[in-house]
Amino acid sequence: MPAILMADIDVTDPEAYEHYKAGTPAILRRFGGRYLSLAGATKVYEGEWQMHRTVIIEFPSMDMLDSFYHSEEYQALCEIRWKSADSRMVAIETLAEPKAP
């Protein structure tokens, strides 16, 4: 089943964060990832969720998402992100085929 990685990122050092952004796409492609949302407009309909930079990435499976996240290359980039942003990330397994309500 496909899986998504959803991140809410509050960038605190834009210059350093650019290095993280520049290095991520090539690693994503190697693990079958593709961007579904890249810091587009957001609206909160319920609750007090304060969205910052929202990124949603789809992977072919949770295993591929895990492999991406735990890869040496991505973990090296995480060091940059951890120093240049406050982040919240979740992995969510999705439906193989969307279902109508």
PDB file of N, CA and C in Angstrom:
ATOM      1  N   MET A   1       0.834  -1.181   0.000  1.00  0.00           N
ATOM      2  CA  MET A   1       0.000   0.000   0.000  1.00  0.00           C
ATOM      3  C   MET A   1       0.876   1.241   0.000  1.00  0.00           C
ATOM      4  N   PRO A   2       0.463   2.279  -0.707  1.00  0.00           N
ATOM      5  CA  PRO A   2       1.224   3.527  -0.683  1.00  0.00           C
ATOM      6  C   PRO A   2       1.238   4.128   0.724  1.00  0.00           C
ATOM      7  N   ALA A   3       2.178   5.029   0.943  1.00  0.00           N
ATOM      8  CA  ALA A   3       2.282   5.727   2.220  1.00  0.00           C
ATOM      9  C   ALA A   3       2.696   7.164   1.946  1.00  0.00           C
ATOM     10  N   ILE A   4       2.300   8.051   2.843  1.00  0.00           N
ATOM     11  CA  ILE A   4       2.716   9.440   2.704  1.00  0.00           C
ATOM     12  C   ILE A   4       3.501   9.866   3.937  1.00  0.00           C
ATOM     13  N   LEU A   5       4.411  10.781   3.695  1.00  0.00           N
ATOM     14  CA  LEU A   5       5.146  11.451   4.761  1.00  0.00           C
ATOM     15  C   LEU A   5       4.617  12.875   4.769  1.00  0.00           C
ATOM     16  N   MET A   6       4.053  13.286   5.885  1.00  0.00           N
ATOM     17  CA  MET A   6       3.517  14.637   6.004  1.00  0.00           C
ATOM     18  C   MET A   6       4.362  15.395   7.012  1.00  0.00           C
ATOM     19  N   ALA A   7       4.836  16.557   6.614  1.00  0.00           N
ATOM     20  CA  ALA A   7       5.708  17.352   7.474  1.00  0.00           C
ATOM     21  C   ALA A   7       5.172  18.765   7.602  1.00  0.00           C
ATOM     22  N   ASP A   8       5.274  19.304   8.798  1.00  0.00           N
ATOM     23  CA  ASP A   8       4.976  20.708   9.073  1.00  0.00           C
ATOM     24  C   ASP A   8       6.293  21.292   9.577  1.00  0.00           C
ATOM     25  N   ILE A   9       6.851  22.219   8.820  1.00  0.00           N
ATOM     26  CA  ILE A   9       8.195  22.707   9.091  1.00  0.00           C
ATOM     27  C   ILE A   9       8.176  24.213   9.294  1.00  0.00           C
ATOM     28  N   ASP A  10       8.706  24.650  10.430  1.00  0.00           N
ATOM     29  CA  ASP A  10       8.839  26.066  10.757  1.00  0.00           C
ATOM     30  C   ASP A  10      10.312  26.422  10.594  1.00  0.00           C
ATOM     31  N   VAL A  11      10.650  27.018   9.473  1.00  0.00           N
ATOM     32  CA  VAL A  11      12.042  27.329   9.149  1.00  0.00           C
ATOM     33  C   VAL A  11      12.537  28.472  10.026  1.00  0.00           C
ATOM     34  N   THR A  12      13.661  28.244  10.700  1.00  0.00           N
ATOM     35  CA  THR A  12      14.249  29.264  11.577  1.00  0.00           C
ATOM     36  C   THR A  12      15.529  29.861  10.993  1.00  0.00           C
ATOM     37  N   ASP A  13      16.159  29.157  10.057  1.00  0.00           N
ATOM     38  CA  ASP A  13      17.375  29.636   9.395  1.00  0.00           C
ATOM     39  C   ASP A  13      17.231  29.349   7.903  1.00  0.00           C
ATOM     40  N   PRO A  14      16.603  30.278   7.158  1.00  0.00           N
ATOM     41  CA  PRO A  14      16.314  30.031   5.739  1.00  0.00           C
ATOM     42  C   PRO A  14      17.552  29.712   4.894  1.00  0.00           C
ATOM     43  N   GLU A  15      18.658  30.341   5.168  1.00  0.00           N
ATOM     44  CA  GLU A  15      19.864  30.107   4.369  1.00  0.00           C
ATOM     45  C   GLU A  15      20.349  28.661   4.525  1.00  0.00           C
ATOM     46  N   ALA A  16      20.436  28.185   5.743  1.00  0.00           N
ATOM     47  CA  ALA A  16      20.862  26.801   5.980  1.00  0.00           C
ATOM     48  C   ALA A  16      19.819  25.817   5.456  1.00  0.00           C
ATOM     49  N   TYR A  17      18.541  26.153   5.599  1.00  0.00           N
ATOM     50  CA  TYR A  17      17.477  25.253   5.156  1.00  0.00           C
ATOM     51  C   TYR A  17      17.528  25.025   3.640  1.00  0.00           C
ATOM     52  N   GLU A  18      18.021  25.989   2.895  1.00  0.00           N
ATOM     53  CA  GLU A  18      18.145  25.834   1.442  1.00  0.00           C
ATOM     54  C   GLU A  18      19.027  24.634   1.086  1.00  0.00           C
ATOM     55  N   HIS A  19      20.042  24.343   1.887  1.00  0.00           N
ATOM     56  CA  HIS A  19      20.907  23.186   1.633  1.00  0.00           C
ATOM     57  C   HIS A  19      20.117  21.881   1.799  1.00  0.00           C
ATOM     58  N   TYR A  20      19.246  21.846   2.796  1.00  0.00           N
ATOM     59  CA  TYR A  20      18.380  20.682   3.004  1.00  0.00           C
ATOM     60  C   TYR A  20      17.453  20.512   1.799  1.00  0.00           C
ATOM     61  N   LYS A  21      16.808  21.595   1.385  1.00  0.00           N
ATOM     62  CA  LYS A  21      15.881  21.544   0.251  1.00  0.00           C
ATOM     63  C   LYS A  21      16.570  21.094  -1.030  1.00  0.00           C
ATOM     64  N   ALA A  22      17.790  21.554  -1.242  1.00  0.00           N
ATOM     65  CA  ALA A  22      18.506  21.233  -2.474  1.00  0.00           C
ATOM     66  C   ALA A  22      18.893  19.756  -2.535  1.00  0.00           C
ATOM     67  N   GLY A  23      19.174  19.145  -1.404  1.00  0.00           N
ATOM     68  CA  GLY A  23      19.633  17.769  -1.397  1.00  0.00           C
ATOM     69  C   GLY A  23      18.551  16.717  -1.354  1.00  0.00           C
ATOM     70  N   THR A  24      17.354  17.100  -0.955  1.00  0.00           N
ATOM     71  CA  THR A  24      16.295  16.115  -0.734  1.00  0.00           C
ATOM     72  C   THR A  24      15.716  15.479  -2.006  1.00  0.00           C
ATOM     73  N   PRO A  25      15.428  16.217  -3.089  1.00  0.00           N
ATOM     74  CA  PRO A  25      14.753  15.605  -4.239  1.00  0.00           C
ATOM     75  C   PRO A  25      15.451  14.381  -4.837  1.00  0.00           C
ATOM     76  N   ALA A  26      16.753  14.403  -4.974  1.00  0.00           N
ATOM     77  CA  ALA A  26      17.455  13.259  -5.572  1.00  0.00           C
ATOM     78  C   ALA A  26      17.306  12.010  -4.709  1.00  0.00           C
ATOM     79  N   ILE A  27      17.354  12.175  -3.394  1.00  0.00           N
ATOM     80  CA  ILE A  27      17.195  11.030  -2.498  1.00  0.00           C
ATOM     81  C   ILE A  27      15.755  10.510  -2.577  1.00  0.00           C
ATOM     82  N   LEU A  28      14.798  11.422  -2.600  1.00  0.00           N
ATOM     83  CA  LEU A  28      13.386  11.028  -2.729  1.00  0.00           C
ATOM     84  C   LEU A  28      13.166  10.151  -3.948  1.00  0.00           C
ATOM     85  N   ARG A  29      13.700  10.586  -5.077  1.00  0.00           N
ATOM     86  CA  ARG A  29      13.508   9.831  -6.334  1.00  0.00           C
ATOM     87  C   ARG A  29      14.057   8.420  -6.219  1.00  0.00           C
ATOM     88  N   ARG A  30      15.191   8.246  -5.563  1.00  0.00           N
ATOM     89  CA  ARG A  30      15.792   6.917  -5.424  1.00  0.00           C
ATOM     90  C   ARG A  30      14.888   5.949  -4.664  1.00  0.00           C
ATOM     91  N   PHE A  31      14.020   6.490  -3.796  1.00  0.00           N
ATOM     92  CA  PHE A  31      13.135   5.639  -2.999  1.00  0.00           C
ATOM     93  C   PHE A  31      11.687   5.700  -3.502  1.00  0.00           C
ATOM     94  N   GLY A  32      11.495   6.203  -4.724  1.00  0.00           N
ATOM     95  CA  GLY A  32      10.179   6.225  -5.337  1.00  0.00           C
ATOM     96  C   GLY A  32       9.267   7.320  -4.812  1.00  0.00           C
ATOM     97  N   GLY A  33       9.820   8.298  -4.095  1.00  0.00           N
ATOM     98  CA  GLY A  33       9.005   9.376  -3.541  1.00  0.00           C
ATOM     99  C   GLY A  33       8.656  10.432  -4.566  1.00  0.00           C
ATOM    100  N   ARG A  34       7.508  11.066  -4.347  1.00  0.00           N
ATOM    101  CA  ARG A  34       7.106  12.198  -5.192  1.00  0.00           C
ATOM    102  C   ARG A  34       6.324  13.186  -4.339  1.00  0.00           C
ATOM    103  N   TYR A  35       6.563  14.455  -4.591  1.00  0.00           N
ATOM    104  CA  TYR A  35       5.881  15.508  -3.841  1.00  0.00           C
ATOM    105  C   TYR A  35       4.414  15.579  -4.255  1.00  0.00           C
ATOM    106  N   LEU A  36       3.521  15.640  -3.269  1.00  0.00           N
ATOM    107  CA  LEU A  36       2.102  15.904  -3.522  1.00  0.00           C
ATOM    108  C   LEU A  36       1.773  17.342  -3.153  1.00  0.00           C
ATOM    109  N   SER A  37       2.478  17.865  -2.168  1.00  0.00           N
ATOM    110  CA  SER A  37       2.300  19.257  -1.742  1.00  0.00           C
ATOM    111  C   SER A  37       3.659  19.767  -1.299  1.00  0.00           C
ATOM    112  N   LEU A  38       3.985  20.958  -1.736  1.00  0.00           N
ATOM    113  CA  LEU A  38       5.276  21.534  -1.406  1.00  0.00           C
ATOM    114  C   LEU A  38       5.066  22.977  -0.965  1.00  0.00           C
ATOM    115  N   ALA A  39       4.650  23.106   0.306  1.00  0.00           N
ATOM    116  CA  ALA A  39       4.462  24.418   0.922  1.00  0.00           C
ATOM    117  C   ALA A  39       3.378  25.248   0.240  1.00  0.00           C
ATOM    118  N   GLY A  40       2.330  24.579  -0.237  1.00  0.00           N
ATOM    119  CA  GLY A  40       1.212  25.298  -0.833  1.00  0.00           C
ATOM    120  C   GLY A  40       0.334  25.936   0.234  1.00  0.00           C
ATOM    121  N   ALA A  41      -0.707  26.591  -0.198  1.00  0.00           N
ATOM    122  CA  ALA A  41      -1.630  27.254   0.720  1.00  0.00           C
ATOM    123  C   ALA A  41      -2.321  26.228   1.613  1.00  0.00           C
ATOM    124  N   THR A  42      -2.562  26.583   2.853  1.00  0.00           N
ATOM    125  CA  THR A  42      -3.271  25.718   3.789  1.00  0.00           C
ATOM    126  C   THR A  42      -4.407  26.496   4.445  1.00  0.00           C
ATOM    127  N   LYS A  43      -5.436  25.759   4.871  1.00  0.00           N
ATOM    128  CA  LYS A  43      -6.552  26.321   5.630  1.00  0.00           C
ATOM    129  C   LYS A  43      -6.849  25.377   6.772  1.00  0.00           C
ATOM    130  N   VAL A  44      -7.038  25.914   7.938  1.00  0.00           N
ATOM    131  CA  VAL A  44      -7.404  25.104   9.092  1.00  0.00           C
ATOM    132  C   VAL A  44      -8.914  25.245   9.269  1.00  0.00           C
ATOM    133  N   TYR A  45      -9.634  24.131   9.213  1.00  0.00           N
ATOM    134  CA  TYR A  45     -11.082  24.151   9.378  1.00  0.00           C
ATOM    135  C   TYR A  45     -11.515  23.881  10.811  1.00  0.00           C
ATOM    136  N   GLU A  46     -10.715  23.154  11.552  1.00  0.00           N
ATOM    137  CA  GLU A  46     -11.066  22.851  12.940  1.00  0.00           C
ATOM    138  C   GLU A  46      -9.807  22.832  13.790  1.00  0.00           C
ATOM    139  N   GLY A  47      -9.956  23.195  15.037  1.00  0.00           N
ATOM    140  CA  GLY A  47      -8.844  23.137  15.977  1.00  0.00           C
ATOM    141  C   GLY A  47      -7.928  24.340  15.879  1.00  0.00           C
ATOM    142  N   GLU A  48      -6.822  24.230  16.586  1.00  0.00           N
ATOM    143  CA  GLU A  48      -5.871  25.338  16.662  1.00  0.00           C
ATOM    144  C   GLU A  48      -4.544  24.975  16.018  1.00  0.00           C
ATOM    145  N   TRP A  49      -4.602  24.254  14.937  1.00  0.00           N
ATOM    146  CA  TRP A  49      -3.414  23.819  14.238  1.00  0.00           C
ATOM    147  C   TRP A  49      -2.771  25.016  13.561  1.00  0.00           C
ATOM    148  N   GLN A  50      -1.523  25.296  13.857  1.00  0.00           N
ATOM    149  CA  GLN A  50      -0.801  26.387  13.217  1.00  0.00           C
ATOM    150  C   GLN A  50       0.153  25.811  12.185  1.00  0.00           C
ATOM    151  N   MET A  51      -0.252  25.861  10.937  1.00  0.00           N
ATOM    152  CA  MET A  51       0.552  25.304   9.857  1.00  0.00           C
ATOM    153  C   MET A  51       1.662  26.277   9.477  1.00  0.00           C
ATOM    154  N   HIS A  52       2.787  25.722   9.108  1.00  0.00           N
ATOM    155  CA  HIS A  52       3.913  26.521   8.647  1.00  0.00           C
ATOM    156  C   HIS A  52       4.187  26.115   7.197  1.00  0.00           C
ATOM    157  N   ARG A  53       5.315  25.515   6.943  1.00  0.00           N
ATOM    158  CA  ARG A  53       5.647  24.993   5.614  1.00  0.00           C
ATOM    159  C   ARG A  53       5.185  23.539   5.585  1.00  0.00           C
ATOM    160  N   THR A  54       4.119  23.252   4.869  1.00  0.00           N
ATOM    161  CA  THR A  54       3.552  21.906   4.828  1.00  0.00           C
ATOM    162  C   THR A  54       4.043  21.179   3.590  1.00  0.00           C
ATOM    163  N   VAL A  55       4.599  19.994   3.802  1.00  0.00           N
ATOM    164  CA  VAL A  55       5.112  19.178   2.705  1.00  0.00           C
ATOM    165  C   VAL A  55       4.493  17.790   2.826  1.00  0.00           C
ATOM    166  N   ILE A  56       3.977  17.268   1.711  1.00  0.00           N
ATOM    167  CA  ILE A  56       3.416  15.920   1.673  1.00  0.00           C
ATOM    168  C   ILE A  56       4.100  15.170   0.539  1.00  0.00           C
ATOM    169  N   ILE A  57       4.655  14.005   0.885  1.00  0.00           N
ATOM    170  CA  ILE A  57       5.403  13.197  -0.080  1.00  0.00           C
ATOM    171  C   ILE A  57       4.805  11.798  -0.102  1.00  0.00           C
ATOM    172  N   GLU A  58       4.548  11.272  -1.303  1.00  0.00           N
ATOM    173  CA  GLU A  58       4.002   9.925  -1.450  1.00  0.00           C
ATOM    174  C   GLU A  58       5.116   8.950  -1.806  1.00  0.00           C
ATOM    175  N   PHE A  59       5.059   7.761  -1.195  1.00  0.00           N
ATOM    176  CA  PHE A  59       5.987   6.675  -1.486  1.00  0.00           C
ATOM    177  C   PHE A  59       5.178   5.446  -1.899  1.00  0.00           C
ATOM    178  N   PRO A  60       5.790   4.532  -2.648  1.00  0.00           N
ATOM    179  CA  PRO A  60       5.070   3.317  -3.070  1.00  0.00           C
ATOM    180  C   PRO A  60       4.624   2.450  -1.901  1.00  0.00           C
ATOM    181  N   SER A  61       5.338   2.535  -0.766  1.00  0.00           N
ATOM    182  CA  SER A  61       4.988   1.703   0.386  1.00  0.00           C
ATOM    183  C   SER A  61       5.589   2.313   1.654  1.00  0.00           C
ATOM    184  N   MET A  62       5.110   1.845   2.799  1.00  0.00           N
ATOM    185  CA  MET A  62       5.674   2.286   4.072  1.00  0.00           C
ATOM    186  C   MET A  62       7.128   1.832   4.190  1.00  0.00           C
ATOM    187  N   ASP A  63       7.438   0.658   3.653  1.00  0.00           N
ATOM    188  CA  ASP A  63       8.826   0.176   3.686  1.00  0.00           C
ATOM    189  C   ASP A  63       9.754   1.120   2.920  1.00  0.00           C
ATOM    190  N   MET A  64       9.300   1.594   1.756  1.00  0.00           N
ATOM    191  CA  MET A  64      10.123   2.533   0.980  1.00  0.00           C
ATOM    192  C   MET A  64      10.269   3.857   1.710  1.00  0.00           C
ATOM    193  N   LEU A  65       9.192   4.321   2.340  1.00  0.00           N
ATOM    194  CA  LEU A  65       9.254   5.556   3.125  1.00  0.00           C
ATOM    195  C   LEU A  65      10.256   5.386   4.263  1.00  0.00           C
ATOM    196  N   ASP A  66      10.179   4.274   4.987  1.00  0.00           N
ATOM    197  CA  ASP A  66      11.114   4.008   6.082  1.00  0.00           C
ATOM    198  C   ASP A  66      12.556   3.951   5.576  1.00  0.00           C
ATOM    199  N   SER A  67      12.760   3.298   4.450  1.00  0.00           N
ATOM    200  CA  SER A  67      14.105   3.192   3.886  1.00  0.00           C
ATOM    201  C   SER A  67      14.649   4.572   3.521  1.00  0.00           C
ATOM    202  N   PHE A  68      13.798   5.410   2.935  1.00  0.00           N
ATOM    203  CA  PHE A  68      14.197   6.780   2.626  1.00  0.00           C
ATOM    204  C   PHE A  68      14.592   7.511   3.903  1.00  0.00           C
ATOM    205  N   TYR A  69      13.678   7.514   4.884  1.00  0.00           N
ATOM    206  CA  TYR A  69      13.903   8.297   6.097  1.00  0.00           C
ATOM    207  C   TYR A  69      15.169   7.855   6.837  1.00  0.00           C
ATOM    208  N   HIS A  70      15.412   6.564   6.898  1.00  0.00           N
ATOM    209  CA  HIS A  70      16.550   6.047   7.659  1.00  0.00           C
ATOM    210  C   HIS A  70      17.836   5.904   6.837  1.00  0.00           C
ATOM    211  N   SER A  71      17.795   6.294   5.556  1.00  0.00           N
ATOM    212  CA  SER A  71      19.000   6.190   4.725  1.00  0.00           C
ATOM    213  C   SER A  71      20.085   7.136   5.248  1.00  0.00           C
ATOM    214  N   GLU A  72      21.331   6.745   5.047  1.00  0.00           N
ATOM    215  CA  GLU A  72      22.457   7.581   5.482  1.00  0.00           C
ATOM    216  C   GLU A  72      22.394   8.960   4.847  1.00  0.00           C
ATOM    217  N   GLU A  73      22.063   9.000   3.557  1.00  0.00           N
ATOM    218  CA  GLU A  73      22.033  10.282   2.840  1.00  0.00           C
ATOM    219  C   GLU A  73      20.982  11.216   3.429  1.00  0.00           C
ATOM    220  N   TYR A  74      19.785  10.682   3.692  1.00  0.00           N
ATOM    221  CA  TYR A  74      18.742  11.556   4.226  1.00  0.00           C
ATOM    222  C   TYR A  74      19.035  11.948   5.675  1.00  0.00           C
ATOM    223  N   GLN A  75      19.560  11.028   6.458  1.00  0.00           N
ATOM    224  CA  GLN A  75      19.887  11.368   7.847  1.00  0.00           C
ATOM    225  C   GLN A  75      20.929  12.483   7.910  1.00  0.00           C
ATOM    226  N   ALA A  76      21.864  12.512   6.957  1.00  0.00           N
ATOM    227  CA  ALA A  76      22.834  13.608   6.899  1.00  0.00           C
ATOM    228  C   ALA A  76      22.121  14.933   6.637  1.00  0.00           C
ATOM    229  N   LEU A  77      21.108  14.910   5.768  1.00  0.00           N
ATOM    230  CA  LEU A  77      20.332  16.129   5.513  1.00  0.00           C
ATOM    231  C   LEU A  77      19.477  16.504   6.721  1.00  0.00           C
ATOM    232  N   CYS A  78      19.004  15.503   7.453  1.00  0.00           N
ATOM    233  CA  CYS A  78      18.212  15.785   8.654  1.00  0.00           C
ATOM    234  C   CYS A  78      19.009  16.612   9.644  1.00  0.00           C
ATOM    235  N   GLU A  79      20.303  16.373   9.731  1.00  0.00           N
ATOM    236  CA  GLU A  79      21.146  17.172  10.629  1.00  0.00           C
ATOM    237  C   GLU A  79      21.025  18.653  10.292  1.00  0.00           C
ATOM    238  N   ILE A  80      20.987  18.957   8.999  1.00  0.00           N
ATOM    239  CA  ILE A  80      20.824  20.354   8.567  1.00  0.00           C
ATOM    240  C   ILE A  80      19.440  20.853   8.940  1.00  0.00           C
ATOM    241  N   ARG A  81      18.402  20.039   8.658  1.00  0.00           N
ATOM    242  CA  ARG A  81      17.026  20.470   8.957  1.00  0.00           C
ATOM    243  C   ARG A  81      16.838  20.692  10.446  1.00  0.00           C
ATOM    244  N   TRP A  82      17.364  19.792  11.269  1.00  0.00           N
ATOM    245  CA  TRP A  82      17.195  19.920  12.718  1.00  0.00           C
ATOM    246  C   TRP A  82      17.818  21.205  13.252  1.00  0.00           C
ATOM    247  N   LYS A  83      18.866  21.684  12.582  1.00  0.00           N
ATOM    248  CA  LYS A  83      19.526  22.920  13.020  1.00  0.00           C
ATOM    249  C   LYS A  83      18.879  24.169  12.426  1.00  0.00           C
ATOM    250  N   SER A  84      18.116  24.015  11.353  1.00  0.00           N
ATOM    251  CA  SER A  84      17.582  25.180  10.660  1.00  0.00           C
ATOM    252  C   SER A  84      16.059  25.284  10.688  1.00  0.00           C
ATOM    253  N   ALA A  85      15.383  24.346  11.377  1.00  0.00           N
ATOM    254  CA  ALA A  85      13.914  24.368  11.402  1.00  0.00           C
ATOM    255  C   ALA A  85      13.394  23.531  12.568  1.00  0.00           C
ATOM    256  N   ASP A  86      12.191  23.865  12.990  1.00  0.00           N
ATOM    257  CA  ASP A  86      11.448  23.027  13.932  1.00  0.00           C
ATOM    258  C   ASP A  86      10.477  22.209  13.081  1.00  0.00           C
ATOM    259  N   SER A  87      10.509  20.895  13.234  1.00  0.00           N
ATOM    260  CA  SER A  87       9.733  20.029  12.350  1.00  0.00           C
ATOM    261  C   SER A  87       8.846  19.070  13.120  1.00  0.00           C
ATOM    262  N   ARG A  88       7.733  18.749  12.500  1.00  0.00           N
ATOM    263  CA  ARG A  88       6.854  17.690  12.949  1.00  0.00           C
ATOM    264  C   ARG A  88       6.586  16.832  11.717  1.00  0.00           C
ATOM    265  N   MET A  89       6.752  15.514  11.836  1.00  0.00           N
ATOM    266  CA  MET A  89       6.552  14.620  10.692  1.00  0.00           C
ATOM    267  C   MET A  89       5.773  13.396  11.120  1.00  0.00           C
ATOM    268  N   VAL A  90       4.910  12.934  10.232  1.00  0.00           N
ATOM    269  CA  VAL A  90       4.190  11.683  10.456  1.00  0.00           C
ATOM    270  C   VAL A  90       4.188  10.887   9.155  1.00  0.00           C
ATOM    271  N   ALA A  91       4.196   9.560   9.287  1.00  0.00           N
ATOM    272  CA  ALA A  91       4.045   8.655   8.152  1.00  0.00           C
ATOM    273  C   ALA A  91       2.657   8.043   8.247  1.00  0.00           C
ATOM    274  N   ILE A  92       1.961   7.995   7.126  1.00  0.00           N
ATOM    275  CA  ILE A  92       0.593   7.496   7.095  1.00  0.00           C
ATOM    276  C   ILE A  92       0.444   6.525   5.938  1.00  0.00           C
ATOM    277  N   GLU A  93       0.022   5.300   6.240  1.00  0.00           N
ATOM    278  CA  GLU A  93      -0.267   4.345   5.172  1.00  0.00           C
ATOM    279  C   GLU A  93      -1.598   4.745   4.546  1.00  0.00           C
ATOM    280  N   THR A  94      -1.648   4.752   3.233  1.00  0.00           N
ATOM    281  CA  THR A  94      -2.860   5.179   2.536  1.00  0.00           C
ATOM    282  C   THR A  94      -3.555   3.971   1.904  1.00  0.00           C
ATOM    283  N   LEU A  95      -4.693   4.196   1.323  1.00  0.00           N
ATOM    284  CA  LEU A  95      -5.447   3.150   0.641  1.00  0.00           C
ATOM    285  C   LEU A  95      -4.802   2.875  -0.733  1.00  0.00           C
ATOM    286  N   ALA A  96      -4.732   1.637  -1.118  1.00  0.00           N
ATOM    287  CA  ALA A  96      -4.189   1.289  -2.422  1.00  0.00           C
ATOM    288  C   ALA A  96      -5.081   1.848  -3.529  1.00  0.00           C
ATOM    289  N   GLU A  97      -6.370   1.810  -3.285  1.00  0.00           N
ATOM    290  CA  GLU A  97      -7.361   2.375  -4.219  1.00  0.00           C
ATOM    291  C   GLU A  97      -8.262   3.310  -3.420  1.00  0.00           C
ATOM    292  N   PRO A  98      -8.374   4.589  -3.831  1.00  0.00           N
ATOM    293  CA  PRO A  98      -9.270   5.490  -3.096  1.00  0.00           C
ATOM    294  C   PRO A  98     -10.689   4.923  -3.037  1.00  0.00           C
ATOM    295  N   LYS A  99     -11.350   5.136  -1.928  1.00  0.00           N
ATOM    296  CA  LYS A  99     -12.718   4.628  -1.712  1.00  0.00           C
ATOM    297  C   LYS A  99     -13.701   5.801  -1.687  1.00  0.00           C
ATOM    298  N   ALA A 100     -14.816   5.609  -2.331  1.00  0.00           N
ATOM    299  CA  ALA A 100     -15.881   6.604  -2.280  1.00  0.00           C
ATOM    300  C   ALA A 100     -16.587   6.488  -0.924  1.00  0.00           C
ATOM    301  N   PRO A 101     -17.064   7.602  -0.388  1.00  0.00           N
ATOM    302  CA  PRO A 101     -17.784   7.531   0.912  1.00  0.00           C
ATOM    303  C   PRO A 101     -19.074   6.740   0.803  1.00  0.00           C
TER     304      PRO A 101
END
